[in-house]
Amino acid sequence: MFWIIASTIVALFMASLMIVVRLKASKRPASVKRIILPPLFMSTGALMFVFPEFRVHWMQVLEALTIGVFFSVFLIKTSKFEIRSEQIYLIPSKAFAFILVGLLIIRLILKLIIGSTITLGETSGMFFLLAFGMLVSWRIAMLYKYKQLEKQLKVPSST
């Protein structure tokens, strides 16, 4: 029970931190580097799978990644860019915080359900994969949207 409470507190802290970071990011121009670095930084967490207690079966990997990609749809829908002063900015979404909290609640419910049938290490591994699948697919969509606007900036206007 301690680990469920502790991991819930950490998840709430991380969600709060993500909301603050996202709001600050909207004040600076977006860039390819700012879009692709978070998944690269997070990928180092995959080193957890070096330890046997965190390893999961291939079916669990597929399940976690599928749910992560599904959850990313909500983040993709709320991630919009705009051109201001010849630069591309991420538009802060009012729904982002609510979506993030909603996803956190769903994740906690899933953790309670799954955590009772598999070990803590496997649960940790699955939720890392879920979060990674969500982040990577969201960032790929953001990169695509960013590149589309970047093309518009480079096209000389005909007026």
N, C-alpha and C. Protein backbone atom coordinates (compact mmCIF):
# COMPACT_ATOMS: atom_id res chain seq x y z
N MET A 1 0.83 -1.20 0.00
CA MET A 1 0.00 0.00 0.00
C MET A 1 0.87 1.26 0.00
N PHE A 2 2.02 1.20 0.70
CA PHE A 2 2.93 2.33 0.75
C PHE A 2 3.38 2.74 -0.65
N TRP A 3 3.73 1.73 -1.49
CA TRP A 3 4.24 2.02 -2.82
C TRP A 3 3.17 2.63 -3.71
N ILE A 4 1.93 2.24 -3.54
CA ILE A 4 0.84 2.83 -4.32
C ILE A 4 0.69 4.30 -3.96
N ILE A 5 0.72 4.61 -2.67
CA ILE A 5 0.58 6.00 -2.23
C ILE A 5 1.79 6.82 -2.66
N ALA A 6 2.99 6.27 -2.48
CA ALA A 6 4.21 6.99 -2.85
C ALA A 6 4.26 7.25 -4.36
N SER A 7 3.93 6.24 -5.15
CA SER A 7 3.98 6.43 -6.60
C SER A 7 2.88 7.38 -7.07
N THR A 8 1.76 7.43 -6.37
CA THR A 8 0.69 8.37 -6.70
C THR A 8 1.14 9.80 -6.41
N ILE A 9 1.81 10.00 -5.31
CA ILE A 9 2.32 11.34 -4.98
C ILE A 9 3.36 11.78 -6.01
N VAL A 10 4.24 10.88 -6.39
CA VAL A 10 5.24 11.20 -7.41
C VAL A 10 4.56 11.52 -8.73
N ALA A 11 3.54 10.76 -9.12
CA ALA A 11 2.82 11.00 -10.36
C ALA A 11 2.13 12.36 -10.33
N LEU A 12 1.54 12.72 -9.20
CA LEU A 12 0.90 14.04 -9.07
C LEU A 12 1.93 15.16 -9.20
N PHE A 13 3.09 14.97 -8.58
CA PHE A 13 4.17 15.95 -8.69
C PHE A 13 4.63 16.10 -10.13
N MET A 14 4.82 14.97 -10.81
CA MET A 14 5.28 15.01 -12.21
C MET A 14 4.24 15.68 -13.11
N ALA A 15 2.97 15.39 -12.89
CA ALA A 15 1.91 16.01 -13.69
C ALA A 15 1.89 17.52 -13.46
N SER A 16 2.04 17.94 -12.21
CA SER A 16 2.08 19.37 -11.91
C SER A 16 3.28 20.03 -12.58
N LEU A 17 4.42 19.37 -12.50
CA LEU A 17 5.63 19.88 -13.13
C LEU A 17 5.45 19.99 -14.64
N MET A 18 4.81 19.00 -15.24
CA MET A 18 4.59 19.01 -16.69
C MET A 18 3.69 20.17 -17.10
N ILE A 19 2.68 20.47 -16.30
CA ILE A 19 1.78 21.59 -16.60
C ILE A 19 2.56 22.90 -16.56
N VAL A 20 3.39 23.08 -15.53
CA VAL A 20 4.18 24.30 -15.41
C VAL A 20 5.16 24.44 -16.58
N VAL A 21 5.84 23.34 -16.91
CA VAL A 21 6.80 23.36 -18.02
C VAL A 21 6.09 23.69 -19.33
N ARG A 22 4.92 23.10 -19.54
CA ARG A 22 4.17 23.36 -20.78
C ARG A 22 3.74 24.82 -20.88
N LEU A 23 3.31 25.42 -19.76
CA LEU A 23 2.92 26.82 -19.77
C LEU A 23 4.11 27.74 -20.05
N LYS A 24 5.26 27.41 -19.47
CA LYS A 24 6.47 28.20 -19.73
C LYS A 24 6.93 28.06 -21.18
N ALA A 25 6.80 26.85 -21.72
CA ALA A 25 7.24 26.59 -23.09
C ALA A 25 6.46 27.42 -24.10
N SER A 26 5.24 27.76 -23.79
CA SER A 26 4.42 28.52 -24.73
C SER A 26 4.88 29.97 -24.85
N LYS A 27 5.75 30.41 -23.95
CA LYS A 27 6.25 31.79 -23.99
C LYS A 27 7.50 31.93 -24.85
N ARG A 28 8.10 30.80 -25.21
CA ARG A 28 9.28 30.81 -26.07
C ARG A 28 8.95 30.15 -27.40
N PRO A 29 9.64 30.54 -28.46
CA PRO A 29 9.39 29.89 -29.75
C PRO A 29 9.70 28.39 -29.67
N ALA A 30 8.91 27.61 -30.36
CA ALA A 30 9.14 26.17 -30.44
C ALA A 30 10.31 25.90 -31.38
N SER A 31 10.88 24.72 -31.24
CA SER A 31 11.96 24.31 -32.14
C SER A 31 11.94 22.79 -32.23
N VAL A 32 12.59 22.28 -33.25
CA VAL A 32 12.68 20.83 -33.41
C VAL A 32 13.36 20.23 -32.18
N LYS A 33 14.40 20.89 -31.71
CA LYS A 33 15.14 20.39 -30.55
C LYS A 33 14.23 20.29 -29.32
N ARG A 34 13.41 21.29 -29.08
CA ARG A 34 12.53 21.27 -27.91
C ARG A 34 11.43 20.22 -28.04
N ILE A 35 11.13 19.83 -29.26
CA ILE A 35 10.11 18.81 -29.47
C ILE A 35 10.69 17.41 -29.30
N ILE A 36 11.89 17.18 -29.84
CA ILE A 36 12.42 15.81 -29.83
C ILE A 36 13.25 15.44 -28.61
N LEU A 37 13.75 16.42 -27.86
CA LEU A 37 14.60 16.08 -26.72
C LEU A 37 13.87 15.35 -25.58
N PRO A 38 12.65 15.72 -25.20
CA PRO A 38 12.00 14.99 -24.09
C PRO A 38 11.91 13.47 -24.29
N PRO A 39 11.51 12.98 -25.47
CA PRO A 39 11.51 11.51 -25.63
C PRO A 39 12.93 10.91 -25.55
N LEU A 40 13.91 11.64 -26.06
CA LEU A 40 15.29 11.14 -25.98
C LEU A 40 15.75 11.06 -24.52
N PHE A 41 15.44 12.09 -23.74
CA PHE A 41 15.80 12.06 -22.32
C PHE A 41 15.07 10.94 -21.60
N MET A 42 13.80 10.77 -21.91
CA MET A 42 13.02 9.73 -21.23
C MET A 42 13.49 8.33 -21.62
N SER A 43 14.02 8.19 -22.82
CA SER A 43 14.44 6.86 -23.28
C SER A 43 15.51 6.24 -22.40
N THR A 44 16.25 7.06 -21.67
CA THR A 44 17.26 6.50 -20.77
C THR A 44 16.62 5.66 -19.66
N GLY A 45 15.35 5.91 -19.38
CA GLY A 45 14.63 5.13 -18.39
C GLY A 45 14.47 3.67 -18.78
N ALA A 46 14.64 3.37 -20.07
CA ALA A 46 14.54 1.99 -20.53
C ALA A 46 15.66 1.11 -19.94
N LEU A 47 16.65 1.75 -19.37
CA LEU A 47 17.70 0.97 -18.71
C LEU A 47 17.15 0.18 -17.53
N MET A 48 15.94 0.53 -17.08
CA MET A 48 15.32 -0.24 -16.00
C MET A 48 15.14 -1.70 -16.40
N PHE A 49 14.99 -1.94 -17.70
CA PHE A 49 14.74 -3.31 -18.17
C PHE A 49 15.99 -4.19 -18.14
N VAL A 50 17.13 -3.59 -17.79
CA VAL A 50 18.34 -4.39 -17.58
C VAL A 50 18.14 -5.30 -16.36
N PHE A 51 17.35 -4.82 -15.40
CA PHE A 51 17.10 -5.58 -14.17
C PHE A 51 15.88 -6.48 -14.37
N PRO A 52 16.01 -7.75 -14.06
CA PRO A 52 14.94 -8.73 -14.32
C PRO A 52 13.59 -8.37 -13.69
N GLU A 53 13.57 -7.73 -12.54
CA GLU A 53 12.29 -7.45 -11.88
C GLU A 53 11.42 -6.46 -12.65
N PHE A 54 12.00 -5.71 -13.60
CA PHE A 54 11.22 -4.74 -14.38
C PHE A 54 10.81 -5.27 -15.76
N ARG A 55 11.30 -6.43 -16.13
CA ARG A 55 11.01 -6.96 -17.46
C ARG A 55 9.56 -7.42 -17.55
N VAL A 56 8.99 -7.20 -18.73
CA VAL A 56 7.60 -7.59 -18.98
C VAL A 56 7.55 -8.45 -20.24
N HIS A 57 6.48 -9.20 -20.36
CA HIS A 57 6.28 -10.05 -21.54
C HIS A 57 5.94 -9.19 -22.75
N TRP A 58 6.17 -9.75 -23.94
CA TRP A 58 5.93 -9.01 -25.18
C TRP A 58 4.47 -8.56 -25.30
N MET A 59 3.56 -9.35 -24.82
CA MET A 59 2.14 -8.98 -24.88
C MET A 59 1.88 -7.76 -23.99
N GLN A 60 2.54 -7.71 -22.82
CA GLN A 60 2.39 -6.56 -21.93
C GLN A 60 3.02 -5.31 -22.56
N VAL A 61 4.12 -5.48 -23.27
CA VAL A 61 4.75 -4.36 -23.97
C VAL A 61 3.77 -3.80 -24.99
N LEU A 62 3.18 -4.70 -25.76
CA LEU A 62 2.22 -4.28 -26.79
C LEU A 62 1.01 -3.58 -26.16
N GLU A 63 0.50 -4.13 -25.08
CA GLU A 63 -0.65 -3.52 -24.39
C GLU A 63 -0.31 -2.12 -23.89
N ALA A 64 0.83 -1.99 -23.22
CA ALA A 64 1.23 -0.70 -22.64
C ALA A 64 1.45 0.35 -23.73
N LEU A 65 2.14 -0.02 -24.80
CA LEU A 65 2.39 0.93 -25.88
C LEU A 65 1.09 1.33 -26.58
N THR A 66 0.19 0.38 -26.77
CA THR A 66 -1.10 0.68 -27.42
C THR A 66 -1.91 1.66 -26.58
N ILE A 67 -1.97 1.42 -25.29
CA ILE A 67 -2.72 2.34 -24.41
C ILE A 67 -2.04 3.71 -24.40
N GLY A 68 -0.71 3.74 -24.39
CA GLY A 68 0.01 5.01 -24.42
C GLY A 68 -0.28 5.80 -25.68
N VAL A 69 -0.29 5.12 -26.83
CA VAL A 69 -0.60 5.80 -28.09
C VAL A 69 -2.05 6.29 -28.09
N PHE A 70 -2.95 5.49 -27.54
CA PHE A 70 -4.35 5.91 -27.44
C PHE A 70 -4.47 7.17 -26.58
N PHE A 71 -3.82 7.19 -25.43
CA PHE A 71 -3.86 8.36 -24.55
C PHE A 71 -3.26 9.59 -25.22
N SER A 72 -2.28 9.39 -26.07
CA SER A 72 -1.62 10.53 -26.71
C SER A 72 -2.56 11.30 -27.63
N VAL A 73 -3.61 10.65 -28.09
CA VAL A 73 -4.57 11.32 -28.99
C VAL A 73 -5.11 12.58 -28.32
N PHE A 74 -5.40 12.51 -27.03
CA PHE A 74 -5.93 13.67 -26.32
C PHE A 74 -4.91 14.80 -26.26
N LEU A 75 -3.65 14.46 -26.08
CA LEU A 75 -2.60 15.48 -26.06
C LEU A 75 -2.36 16.05 -27.45
N ILE A 76 -2.43 15.19 -28.47
CA ILE A 76 -2.23 15.64 -29.84
C ILE A 76 -3.32 16.64 -30.23
N LYS A 77 -4.54 16.34 -29.85
CA LYS A 77 -5.66 17.23 -30.19
C LYS A 77 -5.53 18.61 -29.55
N THR A 78 -4.88 18.70 -28.41
CA THR A 78 -4.77 19.99 -27.73
C THR A 78 -3.44 20.69 -28.01
N SER A 79 -2.56 20.10 -28.79
CA SER A 79 -1.28 20.72 -29.10
C SER A 79 -1.38 21.42 -30.45
N LYS A 80 -1.44 22.72 -30.39
CA LYS A 80 -1.56 23.53 -31.60
C LYS A 80 -0.42 24.55 -31.61
N PHE A 81 -0.01 24.89 -32.81
CA PHE A 81 1.04 25.89 -32.99
C PHE A 81 0.48 27.08 -33.74
N GLU A 82 1.16 28.21 -33.59
CA GLU A 82 0.80 29.40 -34.37
C GLU A 82 2.08 30.14 -34.73
N ILE A 83 1.98 30.92 -35.80
CA ILE A 83 3.11 31.73 -36.22
C ILE A 83 2.91 33.14 -35.67
N ARG A 84 3.91 33.59 -34.92
CA ARG A 84 3.93 34.96 -34.39
C ARG A 84 5.32 35.54 -34.63
N SER A 85 5.37 36.71 -35.22
CA SER A 85 6.65 37.39 -35.44
C SER A 85 7.65 36.50 -36.18
N GLU A 86 7.17 35.82 -37.19
CA GLU A 86 8.02 34.94 -38.01
C GLU A 86 8.64 33.78 -37.23
N GLN A 87 8.01 33.42 -36.11
CA GLN A 87 8.46 32.26 -35.34
C GLN A 87 7.24 31.42 -34.97
N ILE A 88 7.50 30.16 -34.66
CA ILE A 88 6.42 29.23 -34.34
C ILE A 88 6.34 29.05 -32.83
N TYR A 89 5.12 29.23 -32.31
CA TYR A 89 4.88 29.09 -30.88
C TYR A 89 3.82 28.03 -30.62
N LEU A 90 3.99 27.32 -29.51
CA LEU A 90 2.98 26.37 -29.06
C LEU A 90 1.90 27.18 -28.35
N ILE A 91 0.65 26.97 -28.73
CA ILE A 91 -0.46 27.70 -28.11
C ILE A 91 -0.84 26.96 -26.84
N PRO A 92 -0.85 27.67 -25.70
CA PRO A 92 -1.26 27.00 -24.46
C PRO A 92 -2.75 26.65 -24.52
N SER A 93 -3.06 25.42 -24.18
CA SER A 93 -4.45 24.95 -24.21
C SER A 93 -5.01 24.92 -22.80
N LYS A 94 -6.21 25.46 -22.65
CA LYS A 94 -6.87 25.44 -21.34
C LYS A 94 -7.24 24.01 -20.95
N ALA A 95 -7.46 23.18 -21.95
CA ALA A 95 -7.86 21.79 -21.70
C ALA A 95 -6.68 20.91 -21.29
N PHE A 96 -5.45 21.36 -21.55
CA PHE A 96 -4.27 20.51 -21.31
C PHE A 96 -4.20 20.02 -19.87
N ALA A 97 -4.35 20.93 -18.91
CA ALA A 97 -4.26 20.54 -17.50
C ALA A 97 -5.35 19.53 -17.14
N PHE A 98 -6.56 19.74 -17.64
CA PHE A 98 -7.66 18.81 -17.35
C PHE A 98 -7.42 17.45 -17.98
N ILE A 99 -6.91 17.46 -19.19
CA ILE A 99 -6.60 16.19 -19.88
C ILE A 99 -5.50 15.45 -19.12
N LEU A 100 -4.48 16.18 -18.71
CA LEU A 100 -3.38 15.56 -17.99
C LEU A 100 -3.86 14.95 -16.67
N VAL A 101 -4.69 15.68 -15.94
CA VAL A 101 -5.22 15.17 -14.68
C VAL A 101 -6.13 13.97 -14.95
N GLY A 102 -6.96 14.06 -15.99
CA GLY A 102 -7.83 12.93 -16.35
C GLY A 102 -7.03 11.69 -16.70
N LEU A 103 -5.97 11.86 -17.48
CA LEU A 103 -5.11 10.73 -17.83
C LEU A 103 -4.43 10.16 -16.59
N LEU A 104 -4.06 11.04 -15.67
CA LEU A 104 -3.44 10.59 -14.43
C LEU A 104 -4.42 9.75 -13.61
N ILE A 105 -5.66 10.19 -13.52
CA ILE A 105 -6.67 9.43 -12.77
C ILE A 105 -6.90 8.06 -13.42
N ILE A 106 -7.02 8.04 -14.74
CA ILE A 106 -7.20 6.77 -15.45
C ILE A 106 -6.00 5.86 -15.20
N ARG A 107 -4.81 6.46 -15.25
CA ARG A 107 -3.59 5.70 -15.03
C ARG A 107 -3.55 5.11 -13.62
N LEU A 108 -3.98 5.90 -12.64
CA LEU A 108 -4.00 5.41 -11.26
C LEU A 108 -4.98 4.26 -11.09
N ILE A 109 -6.14 4.37 -11.72
CA ILE A 109 -7.14 3.29 -11.66
C ILE A 109 -6.56 2.02 -12.29
N LEU A 110 -5.94 2.20 -13.47
CA LEU A 110 -5.31 1.04 -14.13
C LEU A 110 -4.22 0.44 -13.25
N LYS A 111 -3.45 1.30 -12.58
CA LYS A 111 -2.38 0.80 -11.71
C LYS A 111 -2.96 -0.03 -10.57
N LEU A 112 -4.06 0.41 -10.00
CA LEU A 112 -4.69 -0.34 -8.92
C LEU A 112 -5.20 -1.70 -9.41
N ILE A 113 -5.76 -1.71 -10.62
CA ILE A 113 -6.27 -2.96 -11.19
C ILE A 113 -5.12 -3.90 -11.56
N ILE A 114 -4.16 -3.38 -12.31
CA ILE A 114 -3.05 -4.21 -12.79
C ILE A 114 -2.11 -4.58 -11.65
N GLY A 115 -1.88 -3.63 -10.73
CA GLY A 115 -0.94 -3.85 -9.63
C GLY A 115 -1.31 -5.01 -8.74
N SER A 116 -2.58 -5.39 -8.74
CA SER A 116 -2.98 -6.51 -7.89
C SER A 116 -2.73 -7.87 -8.56
N THR A 117 -2.40 -7.86 -9.86
CA THR A 117 -2.20 -9.12 -10.57
C THR A 117 -0.75 -9.35 -11.00
N ILE A 118 0.07 -8.30 -11.05
CA ILE A 118 1.47 -8.47 -11.43
C ILE A 118 2.35 -7.76 -10.40
N THR A 119 3.64 -8.02 -10.44
CA THR A 119 4.57 -7.47 -9.45
C THR A 119 4.74 -5.96 -9.62
N LEU A 120 5.26 -5.33 -8.60
CA LEU A 120 5.53 -3.88 -8.63
C LEU A 120 6.51 -3.54 -9.75
N GLY A 121 7.54 -4.36 -9.93
CA GLY A 121 8.51 -4.12 -11.00
C GLY A 121 7.88 -4.18 -12.37
N GLU A 122 7.04 -5.19 -12.61
CA GLU A 122 6.36 -5.31 -13.91
C GLU A 122 5.40 -4.14 -14.12
N THR A 123 4.71 -3.74 -13.05
CA THR A 123 3.80 -2.59 -13.15
C THR A 123 4.60 -1.34 -13.52
N SER A 124 5.75 -1.16 -12.89
CA SER A 124 6.61 -0.01 -13.21
C SER A 124 7.06 -0.05 -14.66
N GLY A 125 7.47 -1.22 -15.11
CA GLY A 125 7.89 -1.37 -16.51
C GLY A 125 6.77 -1.06 -17.48
N MET A 126 5.58 -1.56 -17.18
CA MET A 126 4.44 -1.31 -18.07
C MET A 126 4.06 0.17 -18.11
N PHE A 127 4.10 0.84 -16.97
CA PHE A 127 3.73 2.25 -16.96
C PHE A 127 4.81 3.14 -17.56
N PHE A 128 6.06 2.70 -17.49
CA PHE A 128 7.10 3.41 -18.23
C PHE A 128 6.81 3.32 -19.73
N LEU A 129 6.51 2.11 -20.20
CA LEU A 129 6.22 1.91 -21.62
C LEU A 129 4.97 2.69 -22.05
N LEU A 130 3.95 2.71 -21.19
CA LEU A 130 2.73 3.47 -21.50
C LEU A 130 3.09 4.95 -21.66
N ALA A 131 3.82 5.52 -20.69
CA ALA A 131 4.19 6.93 -20.75
C ALA A 131 5.11 7.21 -21.95
N PHE A 132 6.02 6.30 -22.23
CA PHE A 132 6.94 6.50 -23.35
C PHE A 132 6.18 6.45 -24.67
N GLY A 133 5.26 5.48 -24.80
CA GLY A 133 4.45 5.40 -26.01
C GLY A 133 3.61 6.65 -26.21
N MET A 134 3.08 7.18 -25.12
CA MET A 134 2.28 8.39 -25.18
C MET A 134 3.15 9.58 -25.58
N LEU A 135 4.31 9.72 -24.96
CA LEU A 135 5.18 10.86 -25.23
C LEU A 135 5.73 10.82 -26.66
N VAL A 136 6.18 9.67 -27.10
CA VAL A 136 6.78 9.58 -28.44
C VAL A 136 5.74 9.87 -29.52
N SER A 137 4.56 9.28 -29.42
CA SER A 137 3.55 9.52 -30.46
C SER A 137 3.07 10.97 -30.43
N TRP A 138 2.94 11.55 -29.25
CA TRP A 138 2.54 12.96 -29.12
C TRP A 138 3.60 13.86 -29.75
N ARG A 139 4.85 13.60 -29.46
CA ARG A 139 5.94 14.44 -29.98
C ARG A 139 6.12 14.26 -31.49
N ILE A 140 5.88 13.08 -32.02
CA ILE A 140 5.94 12.89 -33.47
C ILE A 140 4.86 13.73 -34.14
N ALA A 141 3.66 13.72 -33.56
CA ALA A 141 2.57 14.54 -34.11
C ALA A 141 2.90 16.03 -34.00
N MET A 142 3.49 16.43 -32.87
CA MET A 142 3.89 17.84 -32.72
C MET A 142 4.95 18.22 -33.75
N LEU A 143 5.91 17.33 -33.97
CA LEU A 143 6.96 17.59 -34.95
C LEU A 143 6.37 17.75 -36.34
N TYR A 144 5.41 16.90 -36.67
CA TYR A 144 4.75 17.00 -37.98
C TYR A 144 4.05 18.36 -38.12
N LYS A 145 3.28 18.75 -37.10
CA LYS A 145 2.58 20.05 -37.14
C LYS A 145 3.58 21.20 -37.23
N TYR A 146 4.65 21.11 -36.49
CA TYR A 146 5.68 22.14 -36.50
C TYR A 146 6.29 22.27 -37.89
N LYS A 147 6.63 21.13 -38.49
CA LYS A 147 7.25 21.15 -39.83
C LYS A 147 6.30 21.73 -40.88
N GLN A 148 5.01 21.46 -40.74
CA GLN A 148 4.04 22.03 -41.67
C GLN A 148 4.04 23.56 -41.58
N LEU A 149 4.08 24.09 -40.39
CA LEU A 149 4.13 25.55 -40.21
C LEU A 149 5.46 26.11 -40.66
N GLU A 150 6.52 25.36 -40.43
CA GLU A 150 7.85 25.80 -40.85
C GLU A 150 7.90 25.95 -42.37
N LYS A 151 7.24 25.05 -43.09
CA LYS A 151 7.17 25.16 -44.55
C LYS A 151 6.44 26.44 -44.95
N GLN A 152 5.38 26.78 -44.22
CA GLN A 152 4.64 28.00 -44.52
C GLN A 152 5.52 29.24 -44.32
N LEU A 153 6.37 29.20 -43.32
CA LEU A 153 7.28 30.33 -43.07
C LEU A 153 8.29 30.50 -44.21
N LYS A 154 8.72 29.39 -44.79
CA LYS A 154 9.75 29.43 -45.82
C LYS A 154 9.21 29.74 -47.20
N VAL A 155 7.92 29.56 -47.39
CA VAL A 155 7.29 29.84 -48.69
C VAL A 155 7.10 31.34 -48.82
N PRO A 156 7.71 31.95 -49.85
CA PRO A 156 7.55 33.40 -50.00
C PRO A 156 6.09 33.73 -50.34
N SER A 157 5.57 34.77 -49.72
CA SER A 157 4.18 35.15 -49.98
C SER A 157 4.06 35.77 -51.37
N SER A 158 2.93 35.56 -51.99
CA SER A 158 2.71 36.05 -53.36
C SER A 158 2.04 37.42 -53.37
N THR A 159 1.91 38.05 -52.22
CA THR A 159 1.28 39.38 -52.18
C THR A 159 2.28 40.48 -52.13
